[in-house]
Amino acid sequence: MVSPRGPVPDQYPLSLRLPPIPYPRFPLVGVLHSGSVVQKDALITNYYEFLGTEAAKVKSQAYVHKSLGEDLYLSFDWQSSSTGLVQMKIVPLINLLWTGLVLLMVGVAMRIFALPSKDAISSSQTYQR
């Protein structure tokens, strides 16, 4: 058995063997919009564990660029020792979604915690028969 820390003898019990260390891969990507630089060095990080000759992705941290009209998400997958596949996703009007959620929460809180006014209590008592 081979790990990034070196070979692990098989005669040791499983509880004494150390777990593999996640190995980071991080490309720096330049982000352009209509020819102008949005971000010079966008950092995208993936963590891999090596299991023998195979590498498995353990954790991924995407780059997110937020703007008023849309959000840009960049992620990548390691293809070989010198190449990777960068994936880009644009999500339009995400800030409008968050604004709507906040307004909904404020409205629900107002409805739950609003106490009836004294005028409303007195007017409801006058109309009772």
Protein backbone atom coordinates (compact mmCIF):
# COMPACT_ATOMS: atom_id res chain seq x y z
CA MET A 1 0.00 0.00 0.00
CA VAL A 2 1.40 3.44 -0.98
CA SER A 3 0.24 6.81 0.36
CA PRO A 4 1.58 10.36 -0.09
CA ARG A 5 3.39 9.89 3.24
CA GLY A 6 5.26 6.85 1.89
CA PRO A 7 4.74 3.09 1.87
CA VAL A 8 2.72 1.64 4.73
CA PRO A 9 3.68 -1.90 5.75
CA ASP A 10 0.76 -4.30 5.69
CA GLN A 11 1.77 -5.98 8.97
CA TYR A 12 0.57 -2.98 11.02
CA PRO A 13 -3.04 -3.08 12.20
CA LEU A 14 -5.47 -0.90 10.31
CA SER A 15 -5.91 1.44 13.31
CA LEU A 16 -2.18 2.36 13.23
CA ARG A 17 -2.14 3.26 9.53
CA LEU A 18 -2.46 6.97 8.79
CA PRO A 19 -5.21 8.18 6.47
CA PRO A 20 -4.11 9.64 3.12
CA ILE A 21 -3.47 13.37 2.99
CA PRO A 22 -5.63 15.37 0.56
CA TYR A 23 -3.43 16.75 -2.21
CA PRO A 24 -4.47 20.23 -3.46
CA ARG A 25 -4.53 21.28 -7.13
CA PHE A 26 -5.25 24.95 -7.76
CA PRO A 27 -5.17 26.73 -11.12
CA LEU A 28 -5.22 30.52 -11.40
CA VAL A 29 -7.70 31.56 -14.09
CA GLY A 30 -8.11 35.01 -15.65
CA VAL A 31 -11.74 36.12 -16.03
CA LEU A 32 -12.62 38.55 -18.85
CA HIS A 33 -15.95 40.15 -19.72
CA SER A 34 -16.27 41.94 -23.08
CA GLY A 35 -12.50 42.26 -23.30
CA SER A 36 -12.03 43.86 -19.88
CA VAL A 37 -10.45 42.06 -16.93
CA VAL A 38 -12.94 41.13 -14.20
CA GLN A 39 -10.53 39.07 -12.10
CA LYS A 40 -6.84 38.65 -12.90
CA ASP A 41 -6.14 35.49 -10.90
CA ALA A 42 -9.27 33.60 -9.87
CA LEU A 43 -8.29 30.73 -7.56
CA ILE A 44 -10.12 27.41 -7.92
CA THR A 45 -9.06 24.62 -5.55
CA ASN A 46 -9.66 20.87 -5.67
CA TYR A 47 -8.40 18.37 -3.11
CA TYR A 48 -7.56 14.83 -4.22
CA GLU A 49 -6.65 11.64 -2.39
CA PHE A 50 -4.44 9.11 -4.11
CA LEU A 51 -5.60 5.53 -3.80
CA GLY A 52 -2.83 3.47 -5.36
CA THR A 53 -2.54 4.78 -8.91
CA GLU A 54 -5.97 6.45 -8.96
CA ALA A 55 -6.84 9.93 -7.69
CA ALA A 56 -10.28 10.69 -6.23
CA LYS A 57 -11.64 14.21 -5.72
CA VAL A 58 -12.43 14.77 -2.05
CA LYS A 59 -13.38 18.45 -1.90
CA SER A 60 -13.84 21.28 -4.36
CA GLN A 61 -13.92 25.05 -3.87
CA ALA A 62 -15.35 26.97 -6.82
CA TYR A 63 -14.61 30.60 -7.64
CA VAL A 64 -17.70 32.83 -7.44
CA HIS A 65 -17.85 36.33 -8.96
CA LYS A 66 -20.97 38.20 -7.86
CA SER A 67 -22.43 41.15 -9.72
CA LEU A 68 -25.77 42.91 -9.70
CA GLY A 69 -27.18 41.12 -12.74
CA GLU A 70 -25.59 37.67 -12.57
CA ASP A 71 -23.20 35.38 -10.71
CA LEU A 72 -20.32 33.53 -12.35
CA TYR A 73 -19.22 30.14 -10.98
CA LEU A 74 -15.92 28.57 -12.08
CA SER A 75 -14.84 25.02 -11.23
CA PHE A 76 -12.35 22.58 -12.70
CA ASP A 77 -11.57 18.89 -12.97
CA TRP A 78 -8.02 17.61 -13.14
CA GLN A 79 -7.48 15.68 -16.37
CA SER A 80 -3.75 14.88 -16.22
CA SER A 81 -0.59 16.27 -14.59
CA SER A 82 -0.60 19.35 -16.85
CA THR A 83 -4.21 19.78 -18.06
CA GLY A 84 -7.56 20.48 -16.48
CA LEU A 85 -11.11 21.14 -17.62
CA VAL A 86 -12.51 24.49 -16.45
CA GLN A 87 -16.30 24.68 -16.23
CA MET A 88 -18.18 27.99 -16.18
CA LYS A 89 -21.78 28.55 -15.10
CA ILE A 90 -23.63 31.87 -15.21
CA VAL A 91 -26.67 32.21 -12.95
CA PRO A 92 -28.74 35.30 -13.86
CA LEU A 93 -30.64 37.48 -11.35
CA ILE A 94 -29.52 35.56 -8.24
CA ASN A 95 -29.52 38.80 -6.19
CA LEU A 96 -33.19 39.27 -7.05
CA LEU A 97 -33.88 35.80 -5.63
CA TRP A 98 -32.11 36.65 -2.34
CA THR A 99 -33.97 39.98 -2.11
CA GLY A 100 -37.29 38.19 -2.57
CA LEU A 101 -36.39 35.66 0.12
CA VAL A 102 -35.52 38.43 2.61
CA LEU A 103 -38.79 40.26 1.85
CA LEU A 104 -40.73 37.03 2.34
CA MET A 105 -39.06 36.43 5.71
CA VAL A 106 -39.77 40.01 6.84
CA GLY A 107 -43.44 39.62 5.84
CA VAL A 108 -43.78 36.31 7.69
CA ALA A 109 -42.10 37.77 10.79
CA MET A 110 -44.43 40.79 10.71
CA ARG A 111 -47.46 38.52 10.47
CA ILE A 112 -46.31 36.20 13.28
CA PHE A 113 -45.11 38.83 15.74
CA ALA A 114 -47.58 41.62 15.00
CA LEU A 115 -49.82 42.38 17.97
CA PRO A 116 -53.31 43.69 17.40
CA SER A 117 -53.68 47.40 18.09
CA LYS A 118 -56.01 48.78 20.79
CA ASP A 119 -58.38 50.16 18.15
CA ALA A 120 -58.73 46.73 16.56
CA ILE A 121 -59.51 45.13 19.96
CA SER A 122 -62.09 47.76 20.93
CA SER A 123 -63.81 47.67 17.53
CA SER A 124 -64.08 43.88 17.63
CA GLN A 125 -65.69 44.05 21.09
CA THR A 126 -68.30 46.61 19.99
CA TYR A 127 -69.61 44.44 17.17
CA GLN A 128 -70.14 41.36 19.30
CA ARG A 129 -73.74 40.43 20.14
